Amino acid sequence: MAISEQETGKVRASLRLSRLRALARSRDGSAAIEFALLAIPYFVVVFAILETFIAFAAEELVSNAVDTMSRQMRTGQITFVDPTRAGYKTQTQFRQAFCDEISIIIRCSQTEAATPGKLYLDVQSFPTFAAMPVAIPRMSADKYSDLKISAFKFTPGGPGSINMLRAYYRWSIIVDLVRPYITGLRPVGSSMPSEYLIVSTAAFQNEQYP
């Protein structure tokens, strides 16, 4: 029995339609395509969460280091006036000791102890607690201006003196989603900061150690 050309066309059209419907229902490779589309934002969010927690841990580490070093200064375990004492430290030695306290997460470079690049320590003695500065020294009146490094000193006092130890650390921002909006540093001409300023301060009066 011969099949007309019209019927042949209908059969072919029906086959094409069936194939299109099967292609539309097919899920082969869809998971790979969806993963490829979502992988980048997914991993960015994951790494941002991890970096946020690591940065928070670094803040706590710097704060603990300030507490530890200031306690040793207050009790006379670390001194700066008499070179004959066992606890005497120079500025470089003090910075190295501070670097050792934060080495779990923050690694100081070989030259960081002698030449500050990311870690800054301001150690000063004052006549009264009221005379201590409450603001961070800036290059200008802009609250996001860079640090005024020349204002930092290393002039700790001896027994009974009133001192302030303040630590600053430039924490590099990679994919953190929060710290770019709360950082105290904003480079001139850039809308997206690359560093977050960690600051910790301790004010104390030295004991009358011998």
N, C-alpha and C. Protein backbone atom coordinates (compact mmCIF):
# COMPACT_ATOMS: atom_id res chain seq x y z
N MET A 1 0.85 -1.19 0.00
CA MET A 1 0.00 0.00 0.00
C MET A 1 0.89 1.23 0.00
N ALA A 2 0.71 2.07 -1.01
CA ALA A 2 1.54 3.27 -1.13
C ALA A 2 1.08 4.35 -0.16
N ILE A 3 2.10 5.11 0.39
CA ILE A 3 1.82 6.21 1.32
C ILE A 3 1.99 7.51 0.57
N SER A 4 1.00 8.34 0.72
CA SER A 4 1.04 9.61 0.00
C SER A 4 2.10 10.53 0.59
N GLU A 5 2.49 11.49 -0.22
CA GLU A 5 3.49 12.48 0.23
C GLU A 5 2.96 13.29 1.40
N GLN A 6 1.67 13.56 1.43
CA GLN A 6 1.08 14.35 2.51
C GLN A 6 1.18 13.59 3.83
N GLU A 7 0.91 12.27 3.79
CA GLU A 7 1.00 11.46 5.00
C GLU A 7 2.45 11.34 5.46
N THR A 8 3.35 11.22 4.43
CA THR A 8 4.78 11.15 4.78
C THR A 8 5.23 12.42 5.50
N GLY A 9 4.77 13.57 5.04
CA GLY A 9 5.11 14.84 5.69
C GLY A 9 4.59 14.92 7.10
N LYS A 10 3.35 14.39 7.30
CA LYS A 10 2.78 14.41 8.65
C LYS A 10 3.58 13.53 9.60
N VAL A 11 4.03 12.37 9.07
CA VAL A 11 4.84 11.48 9.90
C VAL A 11 6.16 12.14 10.31
N ARG A 12 6.81 12.77 9.32
CA ARG A 12 8.07 13.44 9.60
C ARG A 12 7.89 14.58 10.61
N ALA A 13 6.82 15.34 10.42
CA ALA A 13 6.54 16.44 11.36
C ALA A 13 6.29 15.91 12.76
N SER A 14 5.56 14.78 12.83
CA SER A 14 5.28 14.18 14.13
C SER A 14 6.56 13.69 14.80
N LEU A 15 7.48 13.12 14.00
CA LEU A 15 8.75 12.66 14.56
C LEU A 15 9.59 13.82 15.08
N ARG A 16 9.62 14.91 14.29
CA ARG A 16 10.38 16.08 14.73
C ARG A 16 9.81 16.65 16.03
N LEU A 17 8.48 16.71 16.12
CA LEU A 17 7.83 17.22 17.32
C LEU A 17 8.13 16.33 18.52
N SER A 18 8.14 15.02 18.30
CA SER A 18 8.43 14.10 19.39
C SER A 18 9.86 14.27 19.89
N ARG A 19 10.78 14.48 18.92
CA ARG A 19 12.18 14.68 19.30
C ARG A 19 12.37 15.98 20.08
N LEU A 20 11.66 17.03 19.67
CA LEU A 20 11.75 18.30 20.39
C LEU A 20 11.21 18.16 21.81
N ARG A 21 10.11 17.45 21.97
CA ARG A 21 9.53 17.24 23.29
C ARG A 21 10.47 16.42 24.17
N ALA A 22 11.10 15.41 23.57
CA ALA A 22 12.06 14.59 24.33
C ALA A 22 13.27 15.41 24.75
N LEU A 23 13.72 16.31 23.84
CA LEU A 23 14.85 17.18 24.16
C LEU A 23 14.51 18.14 25.29
N ALA A 24 13.27 18.64 25.26
CA ALA A 24 12.84 19.56 26.31
C ALA A 24 12.74 18.87 27.66
N ARG A 25 12.34 17.58 27.64
CA ARG A 25 12.22 16.84 28.90
C ARG A 25 13.56 16.31 29.40
N SER A 26 14.55 16.27 28.55
CA SER A 26 15.83 15.70 28.91
C SER A 26 16.55 16.56 29.95
N ARG A 27 17.12 15.93 30.98
CA ARG A 27 17.86 16.63 32.04
C ARG A 27 19.35 16.30 31.99
N ASP A 28 19.78 15.61 30.95
CA ASP A 28 21.19 15.23 30.82
C ASP A 28 22.07 16.48 30.74
N GLY A 29 23.03 16.62 31.70
CA GLY A 29 23.96 17.74 31.70
C GLY A 29 23.44 19.01 32.33
N SER A 30 22.18 19.04 32.75
CA SER A 30 21.62 20.27 33.32
C SER A 30 22.27 20.61 34.66
N ALA A 31 22.58 19.56 35.45
CA ALA A 31 23.22 19.80 36.74
C ALA A 31 24.59 20.45 36.56
N ALA A 32 25.33 19.98 35.55
CA ALA A 32 26.65 20.55 35.30
C ALA A 32 26.55 22.01 34.88
N ILE A 33 25.54 22.32 34.03
CA ILE A 33 25.36 23.69 33.57
C ILE A 33 24.96 24.60 34.73
N GLU A 34 24.03 24.12 35.58
CA GLU A 34 23.58 24.91 36.72
C GLU A 34 24.73 25.14 37.70
N PHE A 35 25.55 24.11 37.92
CA PHE A 35 26.70 24.26 38.82
C PHE A 35 27.70 25.28 38.27
N ALA A 36 27.92 25.22 36.94
CA ALA A 36 28.85 26.16 36.32
C ALA A 36 28.37 27.60 36.49
N LEU A 37 27.06 27.80 36.44
CA LEU A 37 26.51 29.14 36.58
C LEU A 37 26.56 29.64 38.01
N LEU A 38 26.41 28.74 38.97
CA LEU A 38 26.32 29.13 40.37
C LEU A 38 27.61 28.95 41.15
N ALA A 39 28.60 28.27 40.57
CA ALA A 39 29.82 27.95 41.31
C ALA A 39 30.56 29.20 41.76
N ILE A 40 30.75 30.17 40.85
CA ILE A 40 31.53 31.36 41.19
C ILE A 40 30.91 32.15 42.34
N PRO A 41 29.62 32.57 42.25
CA PRO A 41 29.05 33.30 43.39
C PRO A 41 28.99 32.47 44.66
N TYR A 42 28.78 31.16 44.51
CA TYR A 42 28.72 30.29 45.69
C TYR A 42 30.05 30.29 46.43
N PHE A 43 31.13 30.06 45.69
CA PHE A 43 32.44 30.00 46.33
C PHE A 43 32.89 31.38 46.84
N VAL A 44 32.47 32.45 46.16
CA VAL A 44 32.78 33.79 46.65
C VAL A 44 32.15 34.01 48.02
N VAL A 45 30.90 33.60 48.17
CA VAL A 45 30.20 33.74 49.46
C VAL A 45 30.86 32.88 50.53
N VAL A 46 31.23 31.64 50.17
CA VAL A 46 31.87 30.75 51.13
C VAL A 46 33.21 31.33 51.61
N PHE A 47 34.04 31.77 50.67
CA PHE A 47 35.34 32.34 51.03
C PHE A 47 35.17 33.65 51.80
N ALA A 48 34.14 34.43 51.48
CA ALA A 48 33.88 35.66 52.22
C ALA A 48 33.52 35.37 53.67
N ILE A 49 32.73 34.34 53.89
CA ILE A 49 32.37 33.95 55.25
C ILE A 49 33.61 33.49 56.01
N LEU A 50 34.43 32.67 55.36
CA LEU A 50 35.66 32.20 56.01
C LEU A 50 36.60 33.37 56.33
N GLU A 51 36.75 34.30 55.38
CA GLU A 51 37.64 35.43 55.61
C GLU A 51 37.11 36.33 56.73
N THR A 52 35.78 36.47 56.82
CA THR A 52 35.19 37.28 57.88
C THR A 52 35.53 36.71 59.25
N PHE A 53 35.42 35.40 59.40
CA PHE A 53 35.73 34.77 60.68
C PHE A 53 37.23 34.84 60.98
N ILE A 54 38.07 34.67 59.96
CA ILE A 54 39.51 34.74 60.18
C ILE A 54 39.91 36.17 60.58
N ALA A 55 39.31 37.17 59.93
CA ALA A 55 39.61 38.56 60.28
C ALA A 55 39.16 38.87 61.70
N PHE A 56 38.01 38.33 62.10
CA PHE A 56 37.54 38.53 63.47
C PHE A 56 38.51 37.89 64.46
N ALA A 57 39.00 36.69 64.13
CA ALA A 57 39.98 36.03 64.99
C ALA A 57 41.26 36.84 65.07
N ALA A 58 41.67 37.47 63.96
CA ALA A 58 42.87 38.30 63.96
C ALA A 58 42.68 39.52 64.86
N GLU A 59 41.50 40.11 64.84
CA GLU A 59 41.22 41.24 65.74
C GLU A 59 41.37 40.83 67.19
N GLU A 60 40.82 39.67 67.54
CA GLU A 60 40.92 39.18 68.91
C GLU A 60 42.37 38.88 69.27
N LEU A 61 43.12 38.37 68.30
CA LEU A 61 44.52 38.04 68.54
C LEU A 61 45.34 39.30 68.82
N VAL A 62 45.12 40.35 68.05
CA VAL A 62 45.82 41.62 68.28
C VAL A 62 45.43 42.20 69.64
N SER A 63 44.15 42.13 69.97
CA SER A 63 43.69 42.64 71.26
C SER A 63 44.32 41.87 72.43
N ASN A 64 44.40 40.55 72.30
CA ASN A 64 45.03 39.74 73.35
C ASN A 64 46.52 40.05 73.47
N ALA A 65 47.17 40.30 72.32
CA ALA A 65 48.59 40.64 72.35
C ALA A 65 48.82 41.96 73.06
N VAL A 66 47.95 42.94 72.81
CA VAL A 66 48.05 44.23 73.50
C VAL A 66 47.87 44.04 75.00
N ASP A 67 46.91 43.22 75.40
CA ASP A 67 46.68 42.97 76.83
C ASP A 67 47.90 42.28 77.46
N THR A 68 48.46 41.32 76.76
CA THR A 68 49.61 40.58 77.28
C THR A 68 50.83 41.47 77.43
N MET A 69 51.14 42.23 76.39
CA MET A 69 52.32 43.09 76.42
C MET A 69 52.17 44.21 77.45
N SER A 70 50.98 44.78 77.54
CA SER A 70 50.77 45.86 78.51
C SER A 70 50.85 45.34 79.95
N ARG A 71 50.38 44.11 80.17
CA ARG A 71 50.48 43.53 81.51
C ARG A 71 51.94 43.31 81.89
N GLN A 72 52.75 42.85 80.94
CA GLN A 72 54.17 42.65 81.23
C GLN A 72 54.89 43.99 81.45
N MET A 73 54.45 45.02 80.76
CA MET A 73 55.01 46.35 81.01
C MET A 73 54.60 46.87 82.38
N ARG A 74 53.34 46.65 82.72
CA ARG A 74 52.82 47.17 83.98
C ARG A 74 53.49 46.53 85.19
N THR A 75 53.82 45.25 85.08
CA THR A 75 54.41 44.52 86.21
C THR A 75 55.94 44.55 86.21
N GLY A 76 56.56 45.16 85.20
CA GLY A 76 58.00 45.25 85.17
C GLY A 76 58.70 44.07 84.52
N GLN A 77 57.91 43.13 83.94
CA GLN A 77 58.54 42.02 83.22
C GLN A 77 59.24 42.51 81.96
N ILE A 78 58.69 43.58 81.39
CA ILE A 78 59.32 44.26 80.27
C ILE A 78 59.61 45.69 80.69
N THR A 79 60.85 46.11 80.57
CA THR A 79 61.24 47.47 80.94
C THR A 79 62.02 48.12 79.80
N PHE A 80 62.13 49.44 79.88
CA PHE A 80 62.77 50.18 78.79
C PHE A 80 63.77 51.22 79.30
N VAL A 81 63.81 51.43 80.60
CA VAL A 81 64.63 52.50 81.16
C VAL A 81 66.04 52.03 81.50
N ASP A 82 66.13 50.88 82.16
CA ASP A 82 67.42 50.39 82.64
C ASP A 82 67.90 49.21 81.79
N PRO A 83 68.94 49.38 80.98
CA PRO A 83 69.43 48.28 80.12
C PRO A 83 70.01 47.11 80.91
N THR A 84 70.29 47.30 82.19
CA THR A 84 70.89 46.22 82.98
C THR A 84 69.84 45.22 83.48
N ARG A 85 68.56 45.58 83.40
CA ARG A 85 67.50 44.69 83.87
C ARG A 85 67.29 43.55 82.88
N ALA A 86 66.83 42.40 83.43
CA ALA A 86 66.64 41.21 82.59
C ALA A 86 65.53 41.42 81.56
N GLY A 87 64.53 42.21 81.90
CA GLY A 87 63.40 42.40 81.00
C GLY A 87 63.55 43.58 80.06
N TYR A 88 64.73 44.17 80.00
CA TYR A 88 64.93 45.35 79.15
C TYR A 88 64.77 44.98 77.67
N LYS A 89 64.04 45.82 76.93
CA LYS A 89 63.85 45.61 75.50
C LYS A 89 63.97 46.93 74.76
N THR A 90 64.57 46.85 73.61
CA THR A 90 64.60 48.01 72.71
C THR A 90 63.28 48.04 71.93
N GLN A 91 63.08 49.07 71.13
CA GLN A 91 61.87 49.16 70.33
C GLN A 91 61.74 47.97 69.37
N THR A 92 62.83 47.61 68.71
CA THR A 92 62.80 46.48 67.78
C THR A 92 62.50 45.17 68.51
N GLN A 93 63.11 44.98 69.67
CA GLN A 93 62.86 43.77 70.45
C GLN A 93 61.41 43.71 70.94
N PHE A 94 60.88 44.87 71.31
CA PHE A 94 59.48 44.91 71.75
C PHE A 94 58.55 44.57 70.59
N ARG A 95 58.83 45.11 69.40
CA ARG A 95 58.01 44.81 68.23
C ARG A 95 58.10 43.32 67.88
N GLN A 96 59.29 42.75 68.01
CA GLN A 96 59.45 41.33 67.72
C GLN A 96 58.66 40.48 68.71
N ALA A 97 58.67 40.88 69.97
CA ALA A 97 57.89 40.16 70.99
C ALA A 97 56.40 40.25 70.68
N PHE A 98 55.95 41.40 70.20
CA PHE A 98 54.54 41.56 69.83
C PHE A 98 54.22 40.67 68.63
N CYS A 99 55.13 40.63 67.65
CA CYS A 99 54.94 39.77 66.48
C CYS A 99 54.82 38.31 66.89
N ASP A 100 55.61 37.90 67.87
CA ASP A 100 55.55 36.52 68.35
C ASP A 100 54.18 36.21 68.96
N GLU A 101 53.55 37.19 69.57
CA GLU A 101 52.25 36.99 70.20
C GLU A 101 51.13 36.79 69.17
N ILE A 102 51.29 37.35 67.98
CA ILE A 102 50.23 37.27 66.98
C ILE A 102 50.58 36.31 65.84
N SER A 103 51.64 35.55 66.00
CA SER A 103 52.15 34.72 64.90
C SER A 103 51.25 33.55 64.54
N ILE A 104 50.23 33.25 65.36
CA ILE A 104 49.33 32.13 65.06
C ILE A 104 48.60 32.38 63.76
N ILE A 105 48.16 33.62 63.54
CA ILE A 105 47.42 33.98 62.33
C ILE A 105 48.18 35.00 61.50
N ILE A 106 48.75 36.01 62.17
CA ILE A 106 49.42 37.10 61.47
C ILE A 106 50.92 36.89 61.51
N ARG A 107 51.51 36.77 60.35
CA ARG A 107 52.95 36.57 60.25
C ARG A 107 53.64 37.87 59.91
N CYS A 108 54.56 38.29 60.75
CA CYS A 108 55.36 39.47 60.45
C CYS A 108 56.50 39.06 59.50
N SER A 109 56.80 39.92 58.56
CA SER A 109 57.90 39.64 57.64
C SER A 109 59.23 39.76 58.39
N GLN A 110 60.30 39.39 57.72
CA GLN A 110 61.61 39.43 58.36
C GLN A 110 62.03 40.84 58.74
N THR A 111 61.55 41.82 57.99
CA THR A 111 61.92 43.21 58.26
C THR A 111 60.84 43.97 59.02
N GLU A 112 59.70 43.32 59.29
CA GLU A 112 58.58 44.02 59.92
C GLU A 112 58.93 44.52 61.32
N ALA A 113 59.71 43.75 62.06
CA ALA A 113 60.05 44.16 63.42
C ALA A 113 60.88 45.43 63.44
N ALA A 114 61.75 45.60 62.46
CA ALA A 114 62.61 46.78 62.42
C ALA A 114 61.96 47.93 61.66
N THR A 115 61.25 47.62 60.57
CA THR A 115 60.65 48.66 59.72
C THR A 115 59.17 48.36 59.55
N PRO A 116 58.29 49.09 60.24
CA PRO A 116 56.85 48.81 60.15
C PRO A 116 56.32 48.98 58.74
N GLY A 117 55.55 47.99 58.32
CA GLY A 117 54.89 48.06 57.02
C GLY A 117 53.40 47.84 57.12
N LYS A 118 53.00 46.92 58.02
CA LYS A 118 51.58 46.64 58.24
C LYS A 118 51.22 46.76 59.72
N LEU A 119 52.19 46.47 60.59
CA LEU A 119 51.96 46.54 62.04
C LEU A 119 52.62 47.79 62.60
N TYR A 120 51.84 48.61 63.30
CA TYR A 120 52.34 49.83 63.92
C TYR A 120 52.03 49.79 65.42
N LEU A 121 53.03 50.09 66.23
CA LEU A 121 52.86 50.13 67.68
C LEU A 121 53.19 51.53 68.18
N ASP A 122 52.25 52.07 68.93
CA ASP A 122 52.42 53.41 69.51
C ASP A 122 52.47 53.24 71.02
N VAL A 123 53.65 53.48 71.62
CA VAL A 123 53.85 53.30 73.06
C VAL A 123 54.31 54.62 73.63
N GLN A 124 53.47 55.22 74.48
CA GLN A 124 53.81 56.53 75.02
C GLN A 124 53.46 56.61 76.50
N SER A 125 54.15 57.51 77.18
CA SER A 125 53.90 57.79 78.59
C SER A 125 53.26 59.17 78.70
N PHE A 126 52.28 59.30 79.63
CA PHE A 126 51.54 60.56 79.79
C PHE A 126 51.50 60.94 81.27
N PRO A 127 51.36 62.23 81.54
CA PRO A 127 51.31 62.66 82.95
C PRO A 127 50.02 62.22 83.65
N THR A 128 48.92 62.15 82.92
CA THR A 128 47.63 61.72 83.47
C THR A 128 46.89 60.90 82.42
N PHE A 129 45.87 60.17 82.85
CA PHE A 129 45.05 59.41 81.91
C PHE A 129 44.26 60.36 81.00
N ALA A 130 43.88 61.51 81.55
CA ALA A 130 43.11 62.47 80.77
C ALA A 130 43.90 63.05 79.60
N ALA A 131 45.22 63.01 79.71
CA ALA A 131 46.06 63.57 78.65
C ALA A 131 46.22 62.64 77.46
N MET A 132 45.72 61.42 77.58
CA MET A 132 45.86 60.46 76.48
C MET A 132 44.93 60.82 75.32
N PRO A 133 45.38 60.66 74.09
CA PRO A 133 44.51 60.94 72.93
C PRO A 133 43.44 59.87 72.79
N VAL A 134 42.28 60.30 72.31
CA VAL A 134 41.17 59.36 72.12
C VAL A 134 40.92 59.09 70.64
N ALA A 135 41.49 59.90 69.77
CA ALA A 135 41.29 59.74 68.33
C ALA A 135 42.50 59.09 67.69
N ILE A 136 42.28 58.44 66.57
CA ILE A 136 43.38 57.85 65.80
C ILE A 136 44.06 58.95 65.00
N PRO A 137 45.39 59.07 65.07
CA PRO A 137 46.08 60.11 64.30
C PRO A 137 45.94 59.89 62.81
N ARG A 138 45.47 60.93 62.09
CA ARG A 138 45.23 60.84 60.65
C ARG A 138 46.08 61.87 59.91
N MET A 139 46.25 61.61 58.62
CA MET A 139 46.99 62.54 57.78
C MET A 139 46.19 63.81 57.52
N SER A 140 44.85 63.72 57.61
CA SER A 140 44.00 64.88 57.40
C SER A 140 42.78 64.77 58.30
N ALA A 141 41.88 65.74 58.19
CA ALA A 141 40.68 65.74 59.01
C ALA A 141 39.67 64.70 58.56
N ASP A 142 39.84 64.14 57.38
CA ASP A 142 38.94 63.10 56.88
C ASP A 142 39.04 61.87 57.78
N LYS A 143 37.89 61.37 58.24
CA LYS A 143 37.91 60.24 59.16
C LYS A 143 38.40 58.95 58.51
N TYR A 144 38.45 58.91 57.18
CA TYR A 144 38.95 57.74 56.46
C TYR A 144 40.37 57.95 55.94
N SER A 145 40.98 59.04 56.35
CA SER A 145 42.33 59.34 55.88
C SER A 145 43.32 58.31 56.41
N ASP A 146 44.47 58.22 55.76
CA ASP A 146 45.48 57.26 56.16
C ASP A 146 46.09 57.65 57.51
N LEU A 147 46.76 56.68 58.13
CA LEU A 147 47.37 56.91 59.43
C LEU A 147 48.52 57.90 59.33
N LYS A 148 48.65 58.72 60.36
CA LYS A 148 49.77 59.65 60.45
C LYS A 148 50.89 58.95 61.22
N ILE A 149 51.73 58.27 60.48
CA ILE A 149 52.77 57.43 61.09
C ILE A 149 53.74 58.25 61.94
N SER A 150 53.97 59.50 61.56
CA SER A 150 54.92 60.33 62.30
C SER A 150 54.46 60.63 63.72
N ALA A 151 53.18 60.43 64.00
CA ALA A 151 52.66 60.71 65.34
C ALA A 151 52.91 59.55 66.31
N PHE A 152 53.29 58.40 65.78
CA PHE A 152 53.54 57.25 66.63
C PHE A 152 54.91 57.38 67.29
N LYS A 153 54.98 57.00 68.56
CA LYS A 153 56.22 57.12 69.32
C LYS A 153 56.52 55.84 70.08
N PHE A 154 57.71 55.78 70.61
CA PHE A 154 58.10 54.70 71.50
C PHE A 154 58.79 55.33 72.70
N THR A 155 57.97 55.85 73.62
CA THR A 155 58.49 56.55 74.79
C THR A 155 57.81 56.03 76.06
N PRO A 156 57.93 54.73 76.35
CA PRO A 156 57.30 54.18 77.56
C PRO A 156 58.01 54.68 78.81
N GLY A 157 57.28 54.70 79.91
CA GLY A 157 57.84 55.17 81.18
C GLY A 157 58.28 54.03 82.07
N GLY A 158 58.82 54.39 83.22
CA GLY A 158 59.32 53.40 84.18
C GLY A 158 58.30 53.10 85.26
N PRO A 159 58.75 52.73 86.45
CA PRO A 159 57.84 52.38 87.56
C PRO A 159 56.90 53.54 87.90
N GLY A 160 55.61 53.22 88.08
CA GLY A 160 54.61 54.21 88.47
C GLY A 160 54.14 55.12 87.36
N SER A 161 54.70 55.00 86.17
CA SER A 161 54.30 55.89 85.07
C SER A 161 52.98 55.45 84.44
N ILE A 162 52.31 56.41 83.80
CA ILE A 162 51.05 56.15 83.11
C ILE A 162 51.35 55.99 81.63
N ASN A 163 50.94 54.87 81.07
CA ASN A 163 51.31 54.54 79.69
C ASN A 163 50.10 54.15 78.85
N MET A 164 50.28 54.25 77.55
CA MET A 164 49.29 53.79 76.60
C MET A 164 49.99 52.98 75.53
N LEU A 165 49.47 51.79 75.28
CA LEU A 165 49.96 50.94 74.19
C LEU A 165 48.82 50.78 73.19
N ARG A 166 49.09 51.20 71.98
CA ARG A 166 48.08 51.09 70.92
C ARG A 166 48.69 50.38 69.72
N ALA A 167 48.00 49.36 69.21
CA ALA A 167 48.48 48.58 68.07
C ALA A 167 47.55 48.80 66.88
N TYR A 168 48.15 48.97 65.72
CA TYR A 168 47.42 49.11 64.45
C TYR A 168 47.93 48.04 63.50
N TYR A 169 47.00 47.39 62.81
CA TYR A 169 47.42 46.41 61.81
C TYR A 169 46.57 46.57 60.55
N ARG A 170 47.24 46.61 59.40
CA ARG A 170 46.55 46.72 58.11
C ARG A 170 46.20 45.31 57.62
N TRP A 171 44.95 44.93 57.78
CA TRP A 171 44.50 43.60 57.37
C TRP A 171 44.02 43.68 55.92
N SER A 172 44.63 42.88 55.05
CA SER A 172 44.28 42.91 53.64
C SER A 172 42.92 42.27 53.39
N ILE A 173 42.07 42.95 52.64
CA ILE A 173 40.74 42.46 52.30
C ILE A 173 40.81 41.77 50.93
N ILE A 174 40.28 40.56 50.85
CA ILE A 174 40.26 39.82 49.59
C ILE A 174 38.83 39.70 49.07
N VAL A 175 38.00 38.92 49.76
CA VAL A 175 36.61 38.75 49.34
C VAL A 175 35.62 39.04 50.47
N ASP A 176 36.12 39.58 51.57
CA ASP A 176 35.24 39.91 52.70
C ASP A 176 34.14 40.86 52.25
N LEU A 177 32.88 40.51 52.53
CA LEU A 177 31.76 41.32 52.09
C LEU A 177 31.38 42.41 53.09
N VAL A 178 31.90 42.34 54.31
CA VAL A 178 31.50 43.27 55.37
C VAL A 178 32.53 44.38 55.59
N ARG A 179 33.79 44.00 55.76
CA ARG A 179 34.82 44.96 56.17
C ARG A 179 35.09 46.11 55.19
N PRO A 180 34.85 45.94 53.88
CA PRO A 180 35.02 47.11 53.01
C PRO A 180 34.11 48.28 53.37
N TYR A 181 33.02 48.01 54.08
CA TYR A 181 32.07 49.06 54.42
C TYR A 181 32.26 49.60 55.84
N ILE A 182 33.09 48.92 56.65
CA ILE A 182 33.30 49.37 58.01
C ILE A 182 34.77 49.69 58.30
N THR A 183 35.61 49.57 57.28
CA THR A 183 37.03 49.84 57.50
C THR A 183 37.28 51.32 57.76
N GLY A 184 38.35 51.59 58.49
CA GLY A 184 38.71 52.96 58.79
C GLY A 184 39.69 53.55 57.79
N LEU A 185 39.97 52.80 56.72
CA LEU A 185 40.90 53.26 55.69
C LEU A 185 40.21 53.23 54.33
N ARG A 186 40.26 54.34 53.62
CA ARG A 186 39.72 54.38 52.26
C ARG A 186 40.73 55.11 51.37
N PRO A 187 41.40 54.38 50.49
CA PRO A 187 42.40 55.02 49.62
C PRO A 187 41.80 56.14 48.79
N VAL A 188 42.57 57.19 48.54
CA VAL A 188 42.11 58.33 47.75
C VAL A 188 41.84 57.87 46.32
N GLY A 189 40.66 58.21 45.82
CA GLY A 189 40.30 57.87 44.45
C GLY A 189 39.81 56.46 44.25
N SER A 190 39.61 55.72 45.33
CA SER A 190 39.12 54.35 45.24
C SER A 190 37.86 54.19 46.08
N SER A 191 36.83 53.60 45.48
CA SER A 191 35.57 53.38 46.19
C SER A 191 35.56 52.07 46.97
N MET A 192 36.50 51.19 46.66
CA MET A 192 36.54 49.89 47.32
C MET A 192 37.86 49.72 48.07
N PRO A 193 37.83 49.82 49.41
CA PRO A 193 39.06 49.68 50.20
C PRO A 193 39.68 48.30 50.05
N SER A 194 41.00 48.25 50.17
CA SER A 194 41.71 46.98 50.08
C SER A 194 42.28 46.56 51.43
N GLU A 195 42.14 47.40 52.45
CA GLU A 195 42.68 47.09 53.78
C GLU A 195 41.67 47.47 54.86
N TYR A 196 41.66 46.66 55.89
CA TYR A 196 40.83 46.93 57.07
C TYR A 196 41.76 47.23 58.24
N LEU A 197 41.51 48.32 58.93
CA LEU A 197 42.40 48.75 60.01
C LEU A 197 41.96 48.13 61.33
N ILE A 198 42.81 47.25 61.86
CA ILE A 198 42.59 46.66 63.18
C ILE A 198 43.27 47.56 64.22
N VAL A 199 42.54 47.97 65.23
CA VAL A 199 43.08 48.86 66.26
C VAL A 199 42.76 48.29 67.64
N SER A 200 43.75 48.27 68.51
CA SER A 200 43.53 47.84 69.90
C SER A 200 44.36 48.73 70.82
N THR A 201 43.76 49.11 71.95
CA THR A 201 44.41 50.06 72.87
C THR A 201 44.34 49.57 74.30
N ALA A 202 45.40 49.82 75.05
CA ALA A 202 45.43 49.54 76.48
C ALA A 202 46.04 50.74 77.20
N ALA A 203 45.36 51.23 78.23
CA ALA A 203 45.86 52.33 79.06
C ALA A 203 46.06 51.80 80.49
N PHE A 204 47.20 52.08 81.06
CA PHE A 204 47.51 51.46 82.37
C PHE A 204 48.57 52.28 83.09
N GLN A 205 48.67 52.04 84.37
CA GLN A 205 49.73 52.67 85.19
C GLN A 205 50.65 51.58 85.70
N ASN A 206 51.93 51.75 85.46
CA ASN A 206 52.90 50.76 85.89
C ASN A 206 52.92 50.63 87.41
N GLU A 207 53.20 49.43 87.85
CA GLU A 207 53.37 49.21 89.28
C GLU A 207 54.72 49.79 89.73
N GLN A 208 54.84 49.98 91.00
CA GLN A 208 56.10 50.50 91.54
C GLN A 208 57.10 49.36 91.72
N TYR A 209 57.43 48.73 90.60
CA TYR A 209 58.34 47.60 90.67
C TYR A 209 59.76 48.11 90.95
N PRO A 210 60.61 47.27 91.57
CA PRO A 210 61.96 47.72 91.91
C PRO A 210 62.84 47.89 90.69
